[in-house]
Amino acid sequence: MDCVEEEVDFNWEEYLEETGATAAPHTSFRHVELSLQSSFQPGMKLEVANKGSLDTYWVATIITTCGQLLLLRYCGYGDDRKTDFWCDVMTAELHPVGWCAQNHKTLQPPEDNVYLRA
């Protein structure tokens, strides 16, 4: 699984053969293994803690995954990539949609410019 959504025509096997290089063992890339084990997929929606308002959450869509990192976009921002933000699944407060209702938490849109950099 790759962090980039585009297909790349580069062939590592040919490169290694042509250069006489040896491939690094896959265990050297733990972040890739975490990404493959993760159930997070682009297009999924999550309830995410708002950075600017304590105890409030908003729905975000997963744009892409890269290891334990997710690139998210708050719902309601259409195709505006300027407000996308990265979060670490190991440390971020992420919940399935419906979690706020079940736990009596407030869903509230984020305030502009509060959440720009995670």
N, C-alpha and C. Protein backbone atom coordinates (compact mmCIF):
# COMPACT_ATOMS: atom_id res chain seq x y z
N MET A 1 0.85 -1.17 0.00
CA MET A 1 0.00 0.00 0.00
C MET A 1 0.89 1.22 0.00
N ASP A 2 0.58 2.19 -0.81
CA ASP A 2 1.44 3.33 -1.03
C ASP A 2 0.79 4.59 -0.47
N CYS A 3 1.58 5.57 -0.07
CA CYS A 3 1.06 6.82 0.44
C CYS A 3 0.54 7.71 -0.68
N VAL A 4 0.96 7.46 -1.89
CA VAL A 4 0.57 8.26 -3.04
C VAL A 4 -0.56 7.53 -3.76
N GLU A 5 -1.58 8.29 -4.18
CA GLU A 5 -2.72 7.67 -4.83
C GLU A 5 -2.48 7.37 -6.30
N GLU A 6 -1.44 8.00 -6.90
CA GLU A 6 -1.16 7.79 -8.32
C GLU A 6 -0.38 6.50 -8.52
N GLU A 7 -0.53 5.89 -9.70
CA GLU A 7 0.28 4.73 -10.04
C GLU A 7 1.62 5.21 -10.57
N VAL A 8 2.68 4.52 -10.19
CA VAL A 8 4.02 4.88 -10.63
C VAL A 8 4.54 3.74 -11.49
N ASP A 9 5.19 4.08 -12.60
CA ASP A 9 5.69 3.08 -13.53
C ASP A 9 7.09 2.57 -13.18
N PHE A 10 7.65 3.03 -12.08
CA PHE A 10 8.99 2.62 -11.68
C PHE A 10 8.96 1.16 -11.23
N ASN A 11 9.93 0.36 -11.68
CA ASN A 11 9.99 -1.06 -11.33
C ASN A 11 11.23 -1.30 -10.47
N TRP A 12 10.98 -1.53 -9.16
CA TRP A 12 12.08 -1.72 -8.23
C TRP A 12 12.91 -2.96 -8.54
N GLU A 13 12.27 -4.04 -8.95
CA GLU A 13 13.01 -5.26 -9.24
C GLU A 13 14.01 -5.03 -10.36
N GLU A 14 13.60 -4.35 -11.41
CA GLU A 14 14.52 -4.05 -12.52
C GLU A 14 15.65 -3.14 -12.04
N TYR A 15 15.31 -2.14 -11.25
CA TYR A 15 16.32 -1.20 -10.74
C TYR A 15 17.38 -1.93 -9.92
N LEU A 16 16.93 -2.79 -9.01
CA LEU A 16 17.87 -3.52 -8.16
C LEU A 16 18.77 -4.43 -8.99
N GLU A 17 18.16 -5.08 -9.98
CA GLU A 17 18.94 -5.97 -10.85
C GLU A 17 19.97 -5.18 -11.65
N GLU A 18 19.58 -4.06 -12.22
CA GLU A 18 20.47 -3.25 -13.05
C GLU A 18 21.60 -2.63 -12.25
N THR A 19 21.34 -2.24 -11.01
CA THR A 19 22.36 -1.57 -10.20
C THR A 19 23.14 -2.53 -9.32
N GLY A 20 22.69 -3.79 -9.22
CA GLY A 20 23.36 -4.75 -8.36
C GLY A 20 23.12 -4.49 -6.88
N ALA A 21 22.11 -3.68 -6.58
CA ALA A 21 21.80 -3.34 -5.19
C ALA A 21 20.96 -4.44 -4.54
N THR A 22 20.93 -4.43 -3.22
CA THR A 22 20.14 -5.38 -2.46
C THR A 22 18.97 -4.64 -1.81
N ALA A 23 17.81 -5.24 -1.85
CA ALA A 23 16.63 -4.61 -1.25
C ALA A 23 16.73 -4.62 0.26
N ALA A 24 16.25 -3.55 0.88
CA ALA A 24 16.18 -3.51 2.35
C ALA A 24 15.08 -4.46 2.80
N PRO A 25 15.26 -5.11 3.94
CA PRO A 25 14.21 -6.02 4.42
C PRO A 25 12.93 -5.26 4.76
N HIS A 26 11.78 -5.89 4.53
CA HIS A 26 10.51 -5.21 4.77
C HIS A 26 10.34 -4.83 6.24
N THR A 27 11.04 -5.48 7.14
CA THR A 27 10.94 -5.13 8.56
C THR A 27 11.54 -3.76 8.86
N SER A 28 12.30 -3.21 7.92
CA SER A 28 12.87 -1.87 8.10
C SER A 28 11.81 -0.78 7.93
N PHE A 29 10.66 -1.15 7.42
CA PHE A 29 9.62 -0.18 7.11
C PHE A 29 8.35 -0.48 7.91
N ARG A 30 8.46 -0.36 9.23
CA ARG A 30 7.37 -0.70 10.13
C ARG A 30 6.11 0.11 9.82
N HIS A 31 6.26 1.37 9.40
CA HIS A 31 5.10 2.21 9.11
C HIS A 31 4.26 1.62 7.98
N VAL A 32 4.90 0.95 7.02
CA VAL A 32 4.16 0.33 5.93
C VAL A 32 3.35 -0.85 6.46
N GLU A 33 3.97 -1.64 7.33
CA GLU A 33 3.25 -2.77 7.92
C GLU A 33 2.04 -2.28 8.71
N LEU A 34 2.20 -1.19 9.48
CA LEU A 34 1.07 -0.63 10.22
C LEU A 34 -0.03 -0.20 9.28
N SER A 35 0.34 0.39 8.15
CA SER A 35 -0.65 0.85 7.17
C SER A 35 -1.42 -0.34 6.61
N LEU A 36 -0.73 -1.43 6.34
CA LEU A 36 -1.39 -2.59 5.77
C LEU A 36 -2.31 -3.26 6.78
N GLN A 37 -1.99 -3.15 8.07
CA GLN A 37 -2.80 -3.75 9.12
C GLN A 37 -3.98 -2.87 9.50
N SER A 38 -3.93 -1.59 9.20
CA SER A 38 -4.96 -0.65 9.58
C SER A 38 -6.24 -0.90 8.78
N SER A 39 -7.35 -0.68 9.44
CA SER A 39 -8.63 -0.82 8.75
C SER A 39 -9.11 0.50 8.18
N PHE A 40 -8.32 1.57 8.35
CA PHE A 40 -8.69 2.87 7.82
C PHE A 40 -8.51 2.89 6.31
N GLN A 41 -9.51 3.40 5.60
CA GLN A 41 -9.48 3.46 4.14
C GLN A 41 -9.92 4.85 3.67
N PRO A 42 -9.34 5.37 2.58
CA PRO A 42 -9.81 6.64 2.03
C PRO A 42 -11.31 6.58 1.76
N GLY A 43 -11.99 7.68 2.10
CA GLY A 43 -13.43 7.77 1.91
C GLY A 43 -14.21 7.49 3.17
N MET A 44 -13.59 6.82 4.15
CA MET A 44 -14.28 6.55 5.42
C MET A 44 -14.49 7.85 6.18
N LYS A 45 -15.54 7.90 6.97
CA LYS A 45 -15.83 9.06 7.81
C LYS A 45 -15.62 8.70 9.27
N LEU A 46 -15.10 9.67 10.02
CA LEU A 46 -14.83 9.51 11.45
C LEU A 46 -15.31 10.75 12.19
N GLU A 47 -15.58 10.59 13.47
CA GLU A 47 -15.81 11.75 14.32
C GLU A 47 -14.49 12.08 14.98
N VAL A 48 -14.05 13.34 14.83
CA VAL A 48 -12.72 13.78 15.23
C VAL A 48 -12.85 14.92 16.22
N ALA A 49 -12.03 14.91 17.25
CA ALA A 49 -12.02 15.99 18.23
C ALA A 49 -11.64 17.30 17.56
N ASN A 50 -12.40 18.37 17.87
CA ASN A 50 -12.05 19.71 17.38
C ASN A 50 -10.86 20.22 18.16
N LYS A 51 -9.91 20.82 17.46
CA LYS A 51 -8.72 21.32 18.13
C LYS A 51 -8.98 22.63 18.86
N GLY A 52 -9.93 23.41 18.40
CA GLY A 52 -10.15 24.72 18.99
C GLY A 52 -11.25 24.77 20.03
N SER A 53 -11.95 23.69 20.25
CA SER A 53 -13.08 23.72 21.17
C SER A 53 -13.09 22.42 21.98
N LEU A 54 -12.88 22.53 23.26
CA LEU A 54 -12.80 21.35 24.11
C LEU A 54 -14.12 20.58 24.11
N ASP A 55 -14.03 19.28 24.12
CA ASP A 55 -15.18 18.38 24.21
C ASP A 55 -16.17 18.49 23.07
N THR A 56 -15.74 18.99 21.91
CA THR A 56 -16.61 18.98 20.74
C THR A 56 -15.92 18.22 19.62
N TYR A 57 -16.71 17.71 18.72
CA TYR A 57 -16.22 16.85 17.65
C TYR A 57 -16.90 17.26 16.35
N TRP A 58 -16.30 16.82 15.24
CA TRP A 58 -16.91 17.03 13.93
C TRP A 58 -16.54 15.85 13.04
N VAL A 59 -17.33 15.64 12.02
CA VAL A 59 -17.11 14.53 11.10
C VAL A 59 -16.04 14.92 10.08
N ALA A 60 -15.13 14.00 9.84
CA ALA A 60 -14.08 14.21 8.84
C ALA A 60 -14.00 12.98 7.95
N THR A 61 -13.57 13.21 6.71
CA THR A 61 -13.39 12.14 5.73
C THR A 61 -11.91 11.84 5.59
N ILE A 62 -11.56 10.56 5.53
CA ILE A 62 -10.17 10.17 5.30
C ILE A 62 -9.87 10.39 3.82
N ILE A 63 -8.88 11.22 3.54
CA ILE A 63 -8.46 11.51 2.17
C ILE A 63 -7.44 10.48 1.71
N THR A 64 -6.46 10.22 2.57
CA THR A 64 -5.44 9.21 2.26
C THR A 64 -4.82 8.71 3.55
N THR A 65 -4.15 7.57 3.48
CA THR A 65 -3.45 7.02 4.63
C THR A 65 -1.98 6.86 4.28
N CYS A 66 -1.14 7.00 5.31
CA CYS A 66 0.29 6.79 5.13
C CYS A 66 0.81 6.24 6.45
N GLY A 67 0.90 4.91 6.52
CA GLY A 67 1.29 4.30 7.78
C GLY A 67 0.24 4.58 8.83
N GLN A 68 0.68 5.10 9.97
CA GLN A 68 -0.25 5.41 11.04
C GLN A 68 -0.82 6.82 10.93
N LEU A 69 -0.50 7.51 9.83
CA LEU A 69 -1.02 8.86 9.63
C LEU A 69 -2.23 8.84 8.70
N LEU A 70 -3.19 9.69 9.02
CA LEU A 70 -4.36 9.87 8.16
C LEU A 70 -4.42 11.33 7.74
N LEU A 71 -4.69 11.55 6.46
CA LEU A 71 -4.96 12.90 5.98
C LEU A 71 -6.47 13.04 5.99
N LEU A 72 -6.97 14.02 6.77
CA LEU A 72 -8.41 14.19 6.96
C LEU A 72 -8.88 15.54 6.43
N ARG A 73 -10.16 15.57 6.08
CA ARG A 73 -10.82 16.82 5.67
C ARG A 73 -12.17 16.86 6.38
N TYR A 74 -12.40 17.94 7.11
CA TYR A 74 -13.68 18.09 7.78
C TYR A 74 -14.82 18.13 6.76
N CYS A 75 -15.91 17.48 7.09
CA CYS A 75 -17.09 17.49 6.22
C CYS A 75 -17.64 18.91 6.14
N GLY A 76 -18.09 19.27 4.97
CA GLY A 76 -18.61 20.61 4.74
C GLY A 76 -17.62 21.51 4.04
N TYR A 77 -16.39 21.03 3.84
CA TYR A 77 -15.37 21.85 3.18
C TYR A 77 -15.17 21.46 1.72
N GLY A 78 -16.07 20.63 1.19
CA GLY A 78 -16.04 20.27 -0.23
C GLY A 78 -14.69 19.76 -0.68
N ASP A 79 -14.17 20.34 -1.76
CA ASP A 79 -12.88 19.93 -2.31
C ASP A 79 -11.75 20.86 -1.89
N ASP A 80 -11.98 21.70 -0.88
CA ASP A 80 -10.98 22.66 -0.42
C ASP A 80 -9.88 21.95 0.35
N ARG A 81 -8.73 21.76 -0.28
CA ARG A 81 -7.61 21.04 0.33
C ARG A 81 -6.82 21.89 1.32
N LYS A 82 -7.06 23.20 1.35
CA LYS A 82 -6.30 24.08 2.23
C LYS A 82 -6.51 23.76 3.70
N THR A 83 -7.62 23.14 4.03
CA THR A 83 -7.92 22.87 5.43
C THR A 83 -7.68 21.41 5.82
N ASP A 84 -7.15 20.60 4.89
CA ASP A 84 -6.84 19.21 5.21
C ASP A 84 -5.79 19.17 6.32
N PHE A 85 -5.83 18.13 7.13
CA PHE A 85 -4.86 18.01 8.21
C PHE A 85 -4.51 16.56 8.45
N TRP A 86 -3.30 16.35 8.94
CA TRP A 86 -2.80 15.02 9.25
C TRP A 86 -3.05 14.72 10.72
N CYS A 87 -3.34 13.47 11.02
CA CYS A 87 -3.39 13.06 12.42
C CYS A 87 -2.79 11.67 12.54
N ASP A 88 -2.29 11.38 13.71
CA ASP A 88 -1.66 10.10 14.01
C ASP A 88 -2.70 9.22 14.69
N VAL A 89 -3.00 8.07 14.12
CA VAL A 89 -4.04 7.20 14.69
C VAL A 89 -3.68 6.72 16.10
N MET A 90 -2.39 6.77 16.44
CA MET A 90 -1.97 6.32 17.76
C MET A 90 -2.25 7.36 18.84
N THR A 91 -2.35 8.64 18.46
CA THR A 91 -2.50 9.69 19.46
C THR A 91 -3.75 10.54 19.30
N ALA A 92 -4.36 10.55 18.12
CA ALA A 92 -5.52 11.41 17.88
C ALA A 92 -6.78 10.79 18.49
N GLU A 93 -7.72 11.65 18.79
CA GLU A 93 -9.00 11.19 19.31
C GLU A 93 -9.94 10.99 18.13
N LEU A 94 -10.04 9.75 17.66
CA LEU A 94 -10.84 9.39 16.50
C LEU A 94 -11.90 8.38 16.92
N HIS A 95 -13.11 8.55 16.38
CA HIS A 95 -14.21 7.67 16.74
C HIS A 95 -15.07 7.36 15.52
N PRO A 96 -15.76 6.21 15.53
CA PRO A 96 -16.68 5.92 14.42
C PRO A 96 -17.86 6.88 14.44
N VAL A 97 -18.46 7.09 13.28
CA VAL A 97 -19.64 7.96 13.20
C VAL A 97 -20.73 7.37 14.08
N GLY A 98 -21.34 8.22 14.89
CA GLY A 98 -22.37 7.79 15.83
C GLY A 98 -21.87 7.75 17.26
N TRP A 99 -20.55 7.81 17.44
CA TRP A 99 -19.97 7.75 18.78
C TRP A 99 -20.42 8.92 19.63
N CYS A 100 -20.48 10.12 19.06
CA CYS A 100 -20.90 11.31 19.83
C CYS A 100 -22.32 11.14 20.37
N ALA A 101 -23.22 10.68 19.55
CA ALA A 101 -24.61 10.50 19.98
C ALA A 101 -24.68 9.46 21.11
N GLN A 102 -23.94 8.39 20.97
CA GLN A 102 -23.95 7.33 21.98
C GLN A 102 -23.32 7.77 23.30
N ASN A 103 -22.40 8.73 23.22
CA ASN A 103 -21.66 9.16 24.42
C ASN A 103 -22.01 10.57 24.86
N HIS A 104 -23.10 11.11 24.33
CA HIS A 104 -23.60 12.44 24.72
C HIS A 104 -22.54 13.53 24.55
N LYS A 105 -21.85 13.47 23.42
CA LYS A 105 -20.84 14.48 23.08
C LYS A 105 -21.42 15.40 22.02
N THR A 106 -20.89 16.60 21.93
CA THR A 106 -21.40 17.61 21.01
C THR A 106 -20.70 17.54 19.67
N LEU A 107 -21.50 17.46 18.59
CA LEU A 107 -20.98 17.61 17.23
C LEU A 107 -21.11 19.08 16.86
N GLN A 108 -19.99 19.71 16.55
CA GLN A 108 -19.99 21.14 16.25
C GLN A 108 -18.94 21.41 15.19
N PRO A 109 -19.30 22.11 14.11
CA PRO A 109 -18.30 22.41 13.07
C PRO A 109 -17.12 23.17 13.65
N PRO A 110 -15.92 22.91 13.16
CA PRO A 110 -14.75 23.63 13.65
C PRO A 110 -14.80 25.09 13.22
N GLU A 111 -14.22 25.94 14.06
CA GLU A 111 -14.13 27.35 13.70
C GLU A 111 -13.02 27.53 12.68
N ASP A 112 -13.20 28.46 11.76
CA ASP A 112 -12.18 28.71 10.73
C ASP A 112 -10.83 29.04 11.36
N ASN A 113 -9.78 28.52 10.74
CA ASN A 113 -8.38 28.76 11.09
C ASN A 113 -7.94 28.16 12.42
N VAL A 114 -8.81 27.50 13.16
CA VAL A 114 -8.41 26.91 14.42
C VAL A 114 -7.72 25.56 14.21
N TYR A 115 -8.11 24.84 13.21
CA TYR A 115 -7.67 23.46 13.02
C TYR A 115 -6.69 23.30 11.87
N LEU A 116 -6.19 24.38 11.31
CA LEU A 116 -5.42 24.29 10.07
C LEU A 116 -4.20 23.39 10.15
N ARG A 117 -3.50 23.35 11.24
CA ARG A 117 -2.31 22.50 11.32
C ARG A 117 -2.42 21.57 12.51
N ALA A 118 -2.40 20.28 12.22
CA ALA A 118 -2.49 19.29 13.30
C ALA A 118 -1.11 18.88 13.75
